[in-house]
């Protein structure tokens, strides 16, 4: 009877050891994943900041283009007035 108990104990011990090894491996992989997620969150935040900066710059450029168009129209109107065409 003692041999059966020792065999069962050894089997249980091996199962627990294997479970702990698997748990440790999974925990290590999870920690690695956490670093990757943190890095991606930082990259996404940085990308949003760049997008908002570019959006603001595009708005300024559009405003400048509108101003240049108005200046050209005013200049064209003045030159037509001087020529007497208006």
Foldseek 3Di string as FASTA:
>chain_A
DVVVVVVVVVVVVVVVVVVVVVVVVVVVVVVVVVVVVVVVVVVVVVVVVVVVVVVVVVVVVVVVVVVVVVVVVVVVVVVCVVVVND
